């Protein structure tokens, strides 16, 4: 995921975190808090789940944030 902020300095730095994620998905996907990259920690097994849903929050150095759903 990618978010941008036009502010300069600390208020312009965007960090990423999970807003909502199941325990199962948290063991499969890793979210880089600096880049927003979502990577697999283990191989997917489509017999155990056909889709996963993550809610990722992007927040700046101030009080602004937004949430995106990743399916």
C-alpha atoms as a PDB file:
ATOM      1  CA  UNK A   1       0.000   0.000   0.000  1.00  0.00           C
ATOM      2  CA  UNK A   2       1.134   3.566  -0.581  1.00  0.00           C
ATOM      3  CA  UNK A   3       0.132   6.859   0.980  1.00  0.00           C
ATOM      4  CA  UNK A   4       1.675  10.299   0.581  1.00  0.00           C
ATOM      5  CA  UNK A   5       1.646  13.458   2.672  1.00  0.00           C
ATOM      6  CA  UNK A   6       2.665  16.840   1.259  1.00  0.00           C
ATOM      7  CA  UNK A   7       3.856  18.128   4.650  1.00  0.00           C
ATOM      8  CA  UNK A   8       7.566  18.475   5.336  1.00  0.00           C
ATOM      9  CA  UNK A   9       9.505  17.034   8.258  1.00  0.00           C
ATOM     10  CA  UNK A  10       7.962  14.650  10.773  1.00  0.00           C
ATOM     11  CA  UNK A  11       4.403  15.540   9.771  1.00  0.00           C
ATOM     12  CA  UNK A  12       5.126  14.323   6.240  1.00  0.00           C
ATOM     13  CA  UNK A  13       6.484  10.920   7.242  1.00  0.00           C
ATOM     14  CA  UNK A  14       3.924   8.163   6.688  1.00  0.00           C
ATOM     15  CA  UNK A  15       3.968   4.951   8.750  1.00  0.00           C
ATOM     16  CA  UNK A  16       1.824   1.878   8.189  1.00  0.00           C
ATOM     17  CA  UNK A  17       0.185  -0.516  10.640  1.00  0.00           C
ATOM     18  CA  UNK A  18      -2.647  -3.011  10.746  1.00  0.00           C
ATOM     19  CA  UNK A  19      -5.982  -1.562  11.764  1.00  0.00           C
ATOM     20  CA  UNK A  20      -7.711  -4.945  11.649  1.00  0.00           C
ATOM     21  CA  UNK A  21      -6.157  -8.309  10.843  1.00  0.00           C
ATOM     22  CA  UNK A  22      -7.111 -11.834  11.878  1.00  0.00           C
ATOM     23  CA  UNK A  23      -4.689 -13.929  13.907  1.00  0.00           C
ATOM     24  CA  UNK A  24      -4.456 -16.340  10.966  1.00  0.00           C
ATOM     25  CA  UNK A  25      -3.605 -13.564   8.466  1.00  0.00           C
ATOM     26  CA  UNK A  26      -1.064 -11.996  10.836  1.00  0.00           C
ATOM     27  CA  UNK A  27       0.898 -15.257  10.715  1.00  0.00           C
ATOM     28  CA  UNK A  28       0.881 -15.239   6.893  1.00  0.00           C
ATOM     29  CA  UNK A  29       1.410 -11.584   5.930  1.00  0.00           C
ATOM     30  CA  UNK A  30       4.020  -9.116   7.121  1.00  0.00           C
ATOM     31  CA  UNK A  31       3.488  -5.362   6.791  1.00  0.00           C
ATOM     32  CA  UNK A  32       6.563  -3.128   6.566  1.00  0.00           C
ATOM     33  CA  UNK A  33       5.731  -0.073   8.686  1.00  0.00           C
ATOM     34  CA  UNK A  34       8.108   2.152   6.725  1.00  0.00           C
ATOM     35  CA  UNK A  35       7.277   1.229   3.103  1.00  0.00           C
ATOM     36  CA  UNK A  36       3.766  -0.258   3.312  1.00  0.00           C
ATOM     37  CA  UNK A  37       4.969  -3.416   1.523  1.00  0.00           C
ATOM     38  CA  UNK A  38       2.954  -6.528   2.340  1.00  0.00           C
ATOM     39  CA  UNK A  39       4.929  -9.762   1.966  1.00  0.00           C
ATOM     40  CA  UNK A  40       4.256 -13.444   2.569  1.00  0.00           C
ATOM     41  CA  UNK A  41       5.949 -15.104   5.534  1.00  0.00           C
ATOM     42  CA  UNK A  42       4.784 -18.592   4.480  1.00  0.00           C
ATOM     43  CA  UNK A  43       3.316 -20.119   1.326  1.00  0.00           C
ATOM     44  CA  UNK A  44      -0.413 -19.733   0.800  1.00  0.00           C
ATOM     45  CA  UNK A  45      -2.566 -22.849   1.128  1.00  0.00           C
ATOM     46  CA  UNK A  46      -5.825 -22.327  -0.769  1.00  0.00           C
ATOM     47  CA  UNK A  47      -7.379 -25.300   1.024  1.00  0.00           C
ATOM     48  CA  UNK A  48      -7.160 -23.343   4.290  1.00  0.00           C
ATOM     49  CA  UNK A  49      -8.438 -20.039   2.929  1.00  0.00           C
ATOM     50  CA  UNK A  50      -9.475 -18.681  -0.457  1.00  0.00           C
ATOM     51  CA  UNK A  51      -8.985 -15.025   0.483  1.00  0.00           C
ATOM     52  CA  UNK A  52      -7.651 -12.865   3.301  1.00  0.00           C
ATOM     53  CA  UNK A  53      -8.752  -9.411   4.337  1.00  0.00           C
ATOM     54  CA  UNK A  54      -6.442  -6.875   5.986  1.00  0.00           C
ATOM     55  CA  UNK A  55      -7.192  -3.304   7.023  1.00  0.00           C
ATOM     56  CA  UNK A  56      -4.062  -1.169   6.842  1.00  0.00           C
ATOM     57  CA  UNK A  57      -3.779   2.250   8.446  1.00  0.00           C
ATOM     58  CA  UNK A  58      -1.441   4.931   7.094  1.00  0.00           C
ATOM     59  CA  UNK A  59      -0.691   7.712   9.554  1.00  0.00           C
ATOM     60  CA  UNK A  60       1.529  10.753   9.366  1.00  0.00           C
ATOM     61  CA  UNK A  61       3.659  12.354  12.089  1.00  0.00           C
ATOM     62  CA  UNK A  62       0.692  14.499  13.094  1.00  0.00           C
ATOM     63  CA  UNK A  63      -2.824  13.300  13.756  1.00  0.00           C
ATOM     64  CA  UNK A  64      -3.948  12.452  10.205  1.00  0.00           C
ATOM     65  CA  UNK A  65      -4.615   8.875   9.092  1.00  0.00           C
ATOM     66  CA  UNK A  66      -6.552   6.850   6.579  1.00  0.00           C
ATOM     67  CA  UNK A  67      -7.487   3.188   6.288  1.00  0.00           C
ATOM     68  CA  UNK A  68      -7.455   0.893   3.253  1.00  0.00           C
ATOM     69  CA  UNK A  69      -8.902  -2.597   2.946  1.00  0.00           C
ATOM     70  CA  UNK A  70      -6.627  -5.107   1.198  1.00  0.00           C
ATOM     71  CA  UNK A  71      -8.268  -8.331   0.004  1.00  0.00           C
END
